[in-house]
Protein backbone atom coordinates (compact mmCIF):
# COMPACT_ATOMS: atom_id res chain seq x y z
CA UNK A 1 -24.30 2.57 -3.13
CA UNK A 2 -20.93 2.83 -4.89
CA UNK A 3 -21.65 6.47 -5.78
CA UNK A 4 -22.45 7.34 -2.16
CA UNK A 5 -19.31 5.67 -0.80
CA UNK A 6 -17.20 7.34 -3.48
CA UNK A 7 -18.70 10.76 -2.66
CA UNK A 8 -17.93 10.29 1.04
CA UNK A 9 -14.38 9.14 0.31
CA UNK A 10 -13.86 12.12 -2.02
CA UNK A 11 -15.19 14.51 0.64
CA UNK A 12 -12.94 13.02 3.31
CA UNK A 13 -9.81 13.22 1.18
CA UNK A 14 -10.59 16.61 -0.32
CA UNK A 15 -11.09 18.44 2.95
CA UNK A 16 -9.27 16.47 5.62
CA UNK A 17 -6.88 13.67 4.64
CA UNK A 18 -4.68 15.65 2.24
CA UNK A 19 -4.11 18.46 4.75
CA UNK A 20 -3.64 16.05 7.65
CA UNK A 21 -1.06 13.80 6.02
CA UNK A 22 0.91 16.44 4.14
CA UNK A 23 0.86 18.76 7.16
CA UNK A 24 1.98 16.00 9.53
CA UNK A 25 4.68 14.83 7.11
CA UNK A 26 5.99 18.38 6.72
CA UNK A 27 6.03 18.94 10.50
CA UNK A 28 7.84 15.67 11.18
CA UNK A 29 10.35 16.33 8.38
CA UNK A 30 11.27 19.61 10.06
CA UNK A 31 11.31 18.16 13.57
CA UNK A 32 13.40 15.17 12.51
CA UNK A 33 15.77 17.45 10.55
CA UNK A 34 14.98 15.74 7.23
CA UNK A 35 15.95 12.29 8.49
CA UNK A 36 14.92 10.79 5.13
CA UNK A 37 17.76 12.72 3.45
CA UNK A 38 20.27 13.06 6.28
CA UNK A 39 20.38 9.34 7.09
CA UNK A 40 19.54 7.88 3.68
CA UNK A 41 22.95 6.20 3.29
CA UNK A 42 22.53 4.55 6.68
CA UNK A 43 19.01 3.48 5.71
CA UNK A 44 20.45 1.62 2.69
CA UNK A 45 22.78 -0.28 5.02
CA UNK A 46 20.04 -1.09 7.51
CA UNK A 47 17.92 -2.77 4.83
CA UNK A 48 20.05 -5.89 5.15
CA UNK A 49 20.92 -5.54 8.84
CA UNK A 50 20.99 -8.55 11.11
CA UNK A 51 19.25 -9.02 14.43
CA UNK A 52 20.53 -7.49 17.65
CA UNK A 53 22.14 -9.99 20.03
CA UNK A 54 19.85 -10.78 22.96
CA UNK A 55 16.90 -8.82 21.54
CA UNK A 56 13.38 -10.22 21.73
CA UNK A 57 11.01 -10.45 18.79
CA UNK A 58 9.35 -12.89 16.42
CA UNK A 59 11.24 -12.12 13.18
CA UNK A 60 14.72 -11.04 12.16
CA UNK A 61 14.94 -7.33 11.23
CA UNK A 62 15.23 -8.33 7.56
CA UNK A 63 12.15 -10.55 7.79
CA UNK A 64 10.24 -7.74 9.52
CA UNK A 65 11.30 -5.37 6.73
CA UNK A 66 10.21 -7.87 4.09
CA UNK A 67 6.88 -8.43 5.88
CA UNK A 68 6.23 -4.69 5.82
CA UNK A 69 7.36 -4.46 2.19
CA UNK A 70 5.21 -7.46 1.25
CA UNK A 71 2.12 -5.92 2.82
CA UNK A 72 2.80 -2.50 1.31
CA UNK A 73 3.77 -3.41 -2.25
CA UNK A 74 0.40 -4.71 -3.27
CA UNK A 75 -1.76 -4.22 -6.32
CA UNK A 76 -2.16 -0.60 -5.22
CA UNK A 77 1.26 -0.13 -6.80
CA UNK A 78 -0.17 -1.39 -10.10
CA UNK A 79 -3.93 -0.92 -10.06
CA UNK A 80 -4.02 2.00 -7.63
CA UNK A 81 -1.38 4.02 -9.44
CA UNK A 82 -2.99 3.33 -12.82
CA UNK A 83 -6.36 4.44 -11.43
CA UNK A 84 -4.75 7.61 -10.07
CA UNK A 85 -3.33 8.54 -13.48
CA UNK A 86 -6.50 7.77 -15.44
CA UNK A 87 -8.87 9.35 -12.90
CA UNK A 88 -6.65 12.26 -11.84
CA UNK A 89 -4.47 12.87 -14.87
CA UNK A 90 -0.68 12.62 -15.32
CA UNK A 91 -0.17 15.22 -12.58
CA UNK A 92 -1.24 12.63 -10.02
CA UNK A 93 2.21 11.03 -10.36
CA UNK A 94 3.85 14.23 -9.14
CA UNK A 95 1.69 14.20 -6.02
CA UNK A 96 2.49 10.51 -5.44
CA UNK A 97 6.15 11.60 -5.35
CA UNK A 98 5.44 14.56 -3.07
CA UNK A 99 3.50 12.45 -0.61
CA UNK A 100 6.14 9.73 -0.83
CA UNK A 101 8.87 12.16 0.25
CA UNK A 102 7.00 13.33 3.35
CA UNK A 103 5.54 9.88 4.01
CA UNK A 104 9.00 8.60 4.90
CA UNK A 105 8.83 10.48 8.21
CA UNK A 106 5.40 9.06 8.95
CA UNK A 107 6.63 5.50 8.41
CA UNK A 108 9.84 6.20 10.31
CA UNK A 109 7.73 7.27 13.29
CA UNK A 110 5.39 4.28 13.07
CA UNK A 111 8.28 1.80 12.92
CA UNK A 112 10.18 3.41 15.81
CA UNK A 113 7.09 3.54 18.01
CA UNK A 114 6.08 0.02 16.99
CA UNK A 115 9.35 -1.36 18.39
CA UNK A 116 9.47 0.89 21.45
CA UNK A 117 5.92 0.23 22.67
CA UNK A 118 5.39 -3.40 21.69
CA UNK A 119 4.25 -5.94 24.26
CA UNK A 120 5.72 -9.40 24.79
CA UNK A 121 3.67 -12.06 26.59
CA UNK A 122 5.64 -15.28 26.67
CA UNK A 123 5.96 -16.44 23.05
CA UNK A 124 3.25 -14.04 21.91
CA UNK A 125 4.25 -10.62 20.59
CA UNK A 126 1.79 -7.73 20.35
CA UNK A 127 2.55 -4.60 18.34
CA UNK A 128 0.79 -1.78 16.54
CA UNK A 129 -0.49 1.77 17.02
CA UNK A 130 -2.85 0.55 19.75
CA UNK A 131 0.10 0.08 22.07
CA UNK A 132 1.79 3.42 21.50
CA UNK A 133 -1.57 5.17 21.74
CA UNK A 134 -2.34 3.36 25.01
CA UNK A 135 1.10 3.23 26.65
CA UNK A 136 2.88 6.16 25.03
CA UNK A 137 0.10 8.69 24.57
CA UNK A 138 -1.79 7.31 27.60
CA UNK A 139 -5.09 7.20 25.72
CA UNK A 140 -6.82 3.78 25.97
CA UNK A 141 -9.93 5.22 24.28
CA UNK A 142 -7.97 6.34 21.23
CA UNK A 143 -6.17 3.00 21.13
CA UNK A 144 -9.49 1.12 21.13
CA UNK A 145 -10.91 3.41 18.45
CA UNK A 146 -7.91 2.83 16.22
CA UNK A 147 -8.01 -0.94 16.69
CA UNK A 148 -11.72 -1.05 15.88
CA UNK A 149 -11.49 1.04 12.69
CA UNK A 150 -8.28 -0.66 11.53
CA UNK A 151 -9.66 -4.13 12.27
CA UNK A 152 -12.76 -3.47 10.18
CA UNK A 153 -10.60 -1.95 7.44
CA UNK A 154 -8.28 -4.97 7.33
CA UNK A 155 -11.20 -7.37 7.07
CA UNK A 156 -13.26 -5.40 4.55
CA UNK A 157 -10.68 -3.79 2.26
CA UNK A 158 -7.64 -6.00 1.59
CA UNK A 159 -9.58 -9.25 0.88
CA UNK A 160 -11.50 -7.23 -1.71
CA UNK A 161 -9.02 -4.78 -3.31
CA UNK A 162 -6.12 -7.18 -3.80
CA UNK A 163 -8.04 -10.15 -5.29
CA UNK A 164 -10.07 -7.75 -7.43
CA UNK A 165 -6.99 -6.24 -9.07
CA UNK A 166 -5.36 -9.64 -9.51
CA UNK A 167 -8.53 -11.00 -11.14
CA UNK A 168 -8.65 -8.05 -13.56
CA UNK A 169 -5.04 -8.73 -14.61
CA UNK A 170 -5.66 -12.46 -15.10
CA UNK A 171 -8.90 -11.82 -17.02
CA UNK A 172 -6.97 -9.50 -19.34
CA UNK A 173 -4.67 -12.33 -20.48
CA UNK A 174 -7.02 -15.25 -19.90
CA UNK A 175 -10.59 -14.23 -20.81
CA UNK A 176 -13.45 -16.60 -20.05
CA UNK A 177 -17.21 -16.87 -19.81
CA UNK A 178 -19.44 -16.27 -16.82
CA UNK A 179 -20.65 -18.33 -13.90
CA UNK A 180 -23.90 -18.09 -11.89
CA UNK A 181 -23.41 -18.05 -8.11
CA UNK A 182 -25.90 -17.77 -5.24
CA UNK A 183 -26.28 -14.17 -3.95
CA UNK A 184 -23.49 -12.86 -6.21
CA UNK A 185 -25.34 -13.71 -9.42
CA UNK A 186 -23.45 -13.77 -12.72
CA UNK A 187 -19.68 -13.41 -12.28
CA UNK A 188 -16.63 -13.88 -14.46
CA UNK A 189 -15.40 -17.46 -14.32
CA UNK A 190 -11.68 -16.57 -14.42
CA UNK A 191 -12.10 -13.97 -11.68
CA UNK A 192 -13.91 -16.35 -9.35
CA UNK A 193 -11.45 -19.22 -9.69
CA UNK A 194 -8.54 -16.81 -9.34
CA UNK A 195 -10.09 -15.71 -6.06
CA UNK A 196 -10.49 -19.31 -4.91
CA UNK A 197 -6.85 -20.08 -5.65
CA UNK A 198 -5.73 -16.97 -3.77
CA UNK A 199 -7.89 -17.91 -0.79
CA UNK A 200 -6.33 -21.37 -0.54
CA UNK A 201 -2.76 -20.07 -0.92
CA UNK A 202 -3.35 -17.35 1.66
CA UNK A 203 -4.83 -19.81 4.15
CA UNK A 204 -1.84 -22.17 3.77
CA UNK A 205 0.50 -19.42 4.98
CA UNK A 206 -1.46 -17.39 7.52
CA UNK A 207 -2.66 -20.46 9.41
CA UNK A 208 0.91 -20.87 10.70
CA UNK A 209 1.12 -17.37 12.20
CA UNK A 210 3.71 -14.61 11.92
CA UNK A 211 6.82 -16.84 11.72
CA UNK A 212 5.41 -18.71 8.73
CA UNK A 213 4.43 -15.39 7.16
CA UNK A 214 7.95 -14.03 7.72
CA UNK A 215 9.60 -17.03 6.04
CA UNK A 216 7.25 -16.83 3.05
CA UNK A 217 7.58 -13.11 2.34
CA UNK A 218 11.35 -13.19 2.86
CA UNK A 219 11.52 -15.20 -0.36
CA UNK A 220 8.60 -13.70 -2.31
CA UNK A 221 9.17 -9.97 -1.77
CA UNK A 222 12.57 -9.72 -3.55
CA UNK A 223 11.20 -11.87 -6.38
CA UNK A 224 8.17 -9.69 -7.06
CA UNK A 225 10.11 -6.39 -6.92
CA UNK A 226 12.92 -7.70 -9.12
CA UNK A 227 10.58 -9.09 -11.77
CA UNK A 228 8.55 -5.88 -11.93
CA UNK A 229 11.71 -3.79 -12.21
CA UNK A 230 12.90 -5.82 -15.20
CA UNK A 231 9.51 -5.65 -16.94
CA UNK A 232 9.18 -1.92 -16.26
CA UNK A 233 12.69 -1.22 -17.55
CA UNK A 234 11.81 -2.92 -20.85
CA UNK A 235 8.70 -0.74 -21.26
CA UNK A 236 10.55 2.48 -20.42
CA UNK A 237 13.41 1.65 -22.81
CA UNK A 238 10.91 0.83 -25.56
CA UNK A 239 9.34 4.30 -25.32
CA UNK A 240 12.38 6.18 -24.02
CA UNK A 241 12.05 8.92 -26.66
CA UNK A 242 8.79 10.02 -24.98
CA UNK A 243 10.31 10.42 -21.51
CA UNK A 244 10.97 14.20 -21.71
CA UNK A 245 7.44 14.84 -23.01
CA UNK A 246 5.81 12.69 -20.33
CA UNK A 247 7.82 14.22 -17.47
CA UNK A 248 6.94 17.75 -18.61
CA UNK A 249 3.28 16.72 -18.84
CA UNK A 250 3.40 15.28 -15.31
CA UNK A 251 4.69 18.57 -13.88
CA UNK A 252 2.39 20.79 -15.99
CA UNK A 253 -0.74 18.82 -15.10
CA UNK A 254 0.19 18.72 -11.40
CA UNK A 255 -0.27 22.50 -11.15
CA UNK A 256 -2.71 23.24 -13.96
CA UNK A 257 -6.01 24.97 -13.28
CA UNK A 258 -9.06 23.09 -14.64
CA UNK A 259 -9.34 25.60 -17.48
CA UNK A 260 -5.68 25.34 -18.45
CA UNK A 261 -5.34 21.56 -18.12
CA UNK A 262 -5.05 19.96 -21.53
CA UNK A 263 -6.79 16.85 -20.25
CA UNK A 264 -9.46 18.60 -18.18
CA UNK A 265 -8.32 17.59 -14.69
CA UNK A 266 -6.50 20.37 -12.89
CA UNK A 267 -4.45 20.79 -9.76
CA UNK A 268 -6.87 19.62 -7.10
CA UNK A 269 -8.08 16.47 -8.85
CA UNK A 270 -4.46 15.49 -9.53
CA UNK A 271 -3.58 16.07 -5.88
CA UNK A 272 -6.63 14.19 -4.57
CA UNK A 273 -6.00 11.07 -6.63
CA UNK A 274 -2.21 11.24 -6.30
CA UNK A 275 -2.31 11.37 -2.50
CA UNK A 276 -5.21 8.91 -2.16
CA UNK A 277 -3.45 6.31 -4.28
CA UNK A 278 -0.11 7.29 -2.76
CA UNK A 279 -1.54 6.23 0.58
CA UNK A 280 -2.56 2.92 -0.97
CA UNK A 281 0.87 2.56 -2.51
CA UNK A 282 3.02 3.19 0.57
CA UNK A 283 0.49 2.91 3.46
CA UNK A 284 2.28 5.63 5.43
CA UNK A 285 0.02 7.43 7.87
CA UNK A 286 -2.31 4.69 8.97
CA UNK A 287 -0.13 2.73 11.33
CA UNK A 288 0.36 -0.68 9.77
CA UNK A 289 4.16 -0.29 9.76
CA UNK A 290 4.11 -0.41 13.56
CA UNK A 291 2.67 -3.94 13.44
CA UNK A 292 5.28 -5.33 11.03
CA UNK A 293 8.39 -3.61 12.38
CA UNK A 294 7.32 -4.26 15.96
CA UNK A 295 7.95 -7.98 15.36
CA UNK A 296 11.70 -7.49 14.75
CA UNK A 297 14.35 -9.02 16.99
CA UNK A 298 16.00 -5.69 17.58
CA UNK A 299 16.48 -3.34 20.51
CA UNK A 300 17.25 -0.39 18.23
CA UNK A 301 13.97 1.28 17.23
CA UNK A 302 15.83 3.60 14.83
CA UNK A 303 17.05 0.56 12.87
CA UNK A 304 13.49 -0.37 11.96
CA UNK A 305 12.66 3.29 11.37
CA UNK A 306 15.41 3.58 8.75
CA UNK A 307 14.23 0.37 7.11
CA UNK A 308 10.79 1.98 6.90
CA UNK A 309 12.35 4.95 5.08
CA UNK A 310 13.69 2.55 2.45
CA UNK A 311 10.33 0.81 2.22
CA UNK A 312 8.59 4.07 1.26
CA UNK A 313 11.40 4.94 -1.17
CA UNK A 314 11.03 1.59 -2.99
CA UNK A 315 7.25 1.83 -3.11
CA UNK A 316 6.76 5.48 -4.08
CA UNK A 317 9.78 6.13 -6.28
CA UNK A 318 10.39 2.72 -7.85
CA UNK A 319 7.42 0.36 -8.22
CA UNK A 320 4.72 3.05 -8.27
CA UNK A 321 6.68 5.15 -10.76
CA UNK A 322 7.16 2.16 -13.06
CA UNK A 323 3.39 1.61 -13.23
CA UNK A 324 2.68 5.28 -13.94
CA UNK A 325 5.45 5.73 -16.50
CA UNK A 326 4.46 2.53 -18.32
CA UNK A 327 0.91 3.71 -19.04
CA UNK A 328 2.01 7.29 -19.74
CA UNK A 329 4.90 6.45 -22.06
CA UNK A 330 2.89 3.88 -24.00
CA UNK A 331 -0.04 6.26 -24.52
CA UNK A 332 -2.45 3.93 -22.72
CA UNK A 333 -3.29 6.62 -20.17
CA UNK A 334 -4.16 9.28 -22.75
CA UNK A 335 -6.31 6.91 -24.81
CA UNK A 336 -8.16 5.67 -21.73
CA UNK A 337 -8.73 9.24 -20.50
CA UNK A 338 -10.09 10.17 -23.92
CA UNK A 339 -12.36 7.12 -23.94
CA UNK A 340 -13.81 8.06 -20.54
CA UNK A 341 -14.40 11.63 -21.70
CA UNK A 342 -16.35 10.23 -24.64
CA UNK A 343 -18.50 8.11 -22.33
CA UNK A 344 -16.73 4.86 -23.13
CA UNK A 345 -15.20 2.46 -20.61
CA UNK A 346 -11.52 2.46 -21.58
CA UNK A 347 -8.99 0.38 -19.67
CA UNK A 348 -8.06 1.12 -16.09
CA UNK A 349 -6.68 -0.58 -12.99
CA UNK A 350 -4.29 -3.47 -13.60
CA UNK A 351 -5.54 -3.89 -17.18
CA UNK A 352 -4.07 -0.50 -18.11
CA UNK A 353 -0.58 -1.53 -16.98
CA UNK A 354 -0.95 -4.93 -18.67
CA UNK A 355 -1.88 -3.18 -21.93
CA UNK A 356 1.19 -0.95 -21.65
CA UNK A 357 3.52 -3.90 -21.01
CA UNK A 358 1.91 -5.74 -23.94
CA UNK A 359 2.70 -2.84 -26.25
CA UNK A 360 6.38 -3.20 -25.38
CA UNK A 361 6.49 -7.01 -25.29
CA UNK A 362 3.37 -8.45 -27.00
CA UNK A 363 1.61 -11.22 -25.03
CA UNK A 364 4.54 -11.78 -22.68
CA UNK A 365 4.17 -8.30 -21.19
CA UNK A 366 0.58 -8.91 -20.15
CA UNK A 367 1.52 -12.17 -18.46
CA UNK A 368 4.38 -10.46 -16.62
CA UNK A 369 1.92 -7.94 -15.17
CA UNK A 370 -0.57 -10.68 -14.33
CA UNK A 371 2.10 -12.69 -12.52
CA UNK A 372 3.47 -9.61 -10.72
CA UNK A 373 -0.07 -8.56 -9.74
CA UNK A 374 -0.60 -12.06 -8.39
CA UNK A 375 2.59 -11.89 -6.30
CA UNK A 376 1.95 -8.29 -5.21
CA UNK A 377 -1.60 -9.04 -4.14
CA UNK A 378 -0.82 -12.41 -2.60
CA UNK A 379 1.97 -11.13 -0.35
CA UNK A 380 -0.18 -8.14 0.64
CA UNK A 381 -3.02 -10.48 1.57
CA UNK A 382 -0.60 -12.43 3.76
CA UNK A 383 0.80 -9.35 5.50
CA UNK A 384 -2.55 -7.67 6.05
CA UNK A 385 -4.03 -10.86 7.45
CA UNK A 386 -1.56 -10.54 10.31
CA UNK A 387 -2.29 -6.82 10.71
CA UNK A 388 -6.02 -7.38 11.03
CA UNK A 389 -5.43 -10.23 13.44
CA UNK A 390 -3.47 -7.92 15.75
CA UNK A 391 -6.09 -5.16 15.56
CA UNK A 392 -9.06 -7.39 16.35
CA UNK A 393 -7.15 -9.35 18.98
CA UNK A 394 -6.59 -6.10 20.87
CA UNK A 395 -10.37 -5.67 21.17
CA UNK A 396 -11.66 -9.25 21.35
CA UNK A 397 -8.74 -11.26 22.71
CA UNK A 398 -6.78 -14.17 21.21
CA UNK A 399 -9.92 -16.30 20.79
CA UNK A 400 -10.76 -14.27 17.66
CA UNK A 401 -7.58 -15.36 15.83
CA UNK A 402 -8.69 -18.60 14.16
CA UNK A 403 -12.24 -17.48 13.21
CA UNK A 404 -10.75 -14.28 11.77
CA UNK A 405 -8.28 -16.20 9.59
CA UNK A 406 -11.05 -18.34 8.10
CA UNK A 407 -13.43 -15.41 7.47
CA UNK A 408 -10.58 -13.42 5.92
CA UNK A 409 -9.86 -16.20 3.42
CA UNK A 410 -13.55 -16.78 2.64
CA UNK A 411 -13.95 -13.14 1.61
CA UNK A 412 -11.17 -13.32 -1.00
CA UNK A 413 -13.19 -15.02 -3.81
CA UNK A 414 -16.00 -12.48 -3.26
CA UNK A 415 -13.56 -9.59 -3.60
CA UNK A 416 -12.26 -11.03 -6.86
CA UNK A 417 -15.64 -10.66 -8.61
CA UNK A 418 -16.86 -7.29 -7.25
CA UNK A 419 -16.94 -4.07 -9.29
CA UNK A 420 -13.62 -2.16 -9.08
CA UNK A 421 -15.16 1.29 -8.44
CA UNK A 422 -16.99 0.08 -5.32
CA UNK A 423 -13.93 -1.81 -4.07
CA UNK A 424 -11.57 1.16 -4.33
CA UNK A 425 -14.07 3.72 -3.00
CA UNK A 426 -14.67 1.60 0.12
CA UNK A 427 -10.93 1.16 0.56
CA UNK A 428 -10.38 4.93 0.34
CA UNK A 429 -13.04 5.55 2.96
CA UNK A 430 -11.80 3.01 5.50
CA UNK A 431 -8.15 3.94 5.11
CA UNK A 432 -9.04 7.59 5.51
CA UNK A 433 -10.84 6.95 8.80
CA UNK A 434 -7.86 4.94 10.04
CA UNK A 435 -5.51 7.89 9.59
CA UNK A 436 -6.88 10.23 12.26
CA UNK A 437 -6.25 8.35 15.54
CA UNK A 438 -2.86 7.23 14.27
CA UNK A 439 -1.74 10.75 13.30
CA UNK A 440 -2.73 12.05 16.74
CA UNK A 441 -0.34 9.48 18.19
CA UNK A 442 2.46 10.37 15.77
CA UNK A 443 2.19 14.06 16.61
CA UNK A 444 1.84 13.52 20.35
CA UNK A 445 4.85 11.20 20.48
CA UNK A 446 7.00 13.04 17.92
CA UNK A 447 9.41 14.08 20.68
CA UNK A 448 10.10 10.42 21.49
CA UNK A 449 10.77 9.64 17.83
CA UNK A 450 12.89 12.78 17.33
CA UNK A 451 15.36 11.49 19.92
CA UNK A 452 15.99 8.45 17.68
CA UNK A 453 15.87 10.37 14.40
CA UNK A 454 18.39 12.96 15.58
CA UNK A 455 20.75 10.60 17.39
CA UNK A 456 24.23 10.09 15.98
CA UNK A 457 24.10 7.64 13.05
CA UNK A 458 26.01 4.41 13.69
CA UNK A 459 28.93 3.98 11.34
């Protein structure tokens, strides 16, 4: 089963997703006159901007930004990036950067449209690609299709990928025996109880709705980014003499043919894994930004768009790069790649980053990664719970909200004990399917967004 899902995900990314996302990002970059460069200074200012007087919305602009950042900076920034490097070679990091640059325009568009086409019903706020597909693009069928695919994706990917990566990190520093469970069979004891703890903590926050989520992530998001930055800086400084070698290897492997690649990967494999995990890392292209930024108390859609630019910058060029450089500088990536080539398991996912941090700061480094993975995954679980709620509510109405929250939390312990390959392959597939209806909306409404992107920056 895992092999079939992985083959389908590979096929989808190889022939469709890469061209769709890079092509759309390039087109929007040109149409928006490189807004990610031209208005970068303004984007830095807007990160901490206050709410607009008299504007409607559920969260302050800063809380909306932190909700988006919380949902985006998940274990994909640790586990996903590590998997990209070990499965696609060092060149995958280059393609994470490339996609990150163009992805800023995708997120800018999603955030702008999320604010412009949101729907307020009394105290209840509705936002997401469904509304700009329905009201902006005038396509109810496409809106329903997106909501259906995205709702299934939210319920069947995040409760599995995030707990799984967290459990791997915790197992790495706190190994234990196994446990027999009905249906699931023999599972790792640490992984299962980690999943249970995550489920309870997630339920305690999401049961209160978006305002409770906003207050929680406003405090947790800066903490998790700051801690990971400090840990990553220690690793990079420890192996700083290898930086020139690693950077040259990243560029060489990004463009190497399979025959010329020293590690046997080549250009296309590096691109496939770099972009696939880049999507996981910054989530640009599949519409979730519209849900988070659409909650902001702001009547300036471009304000949230510029915050989205900073979100992608932080994810792709800061946290994701730290994970990749840690395993490359420490040599963990090369040893794991060699082990796989020899038919051995090697370390991957969060365990690879934990091993790298441990080499710089023995014992403590592994716990730092485990704690960061816990925070990354936990805040992503919180944010995505709200996303899925919005998607399914669009189709089934508000009566689905409470049952959805309980089912979402019940799936978390199961995700913690599943096999990583199956978890990530399924996530790739569902996220890939989510891209297409959203991108149609971004292209069709690019003129609307261009008016905000090309307006005079406020000084």
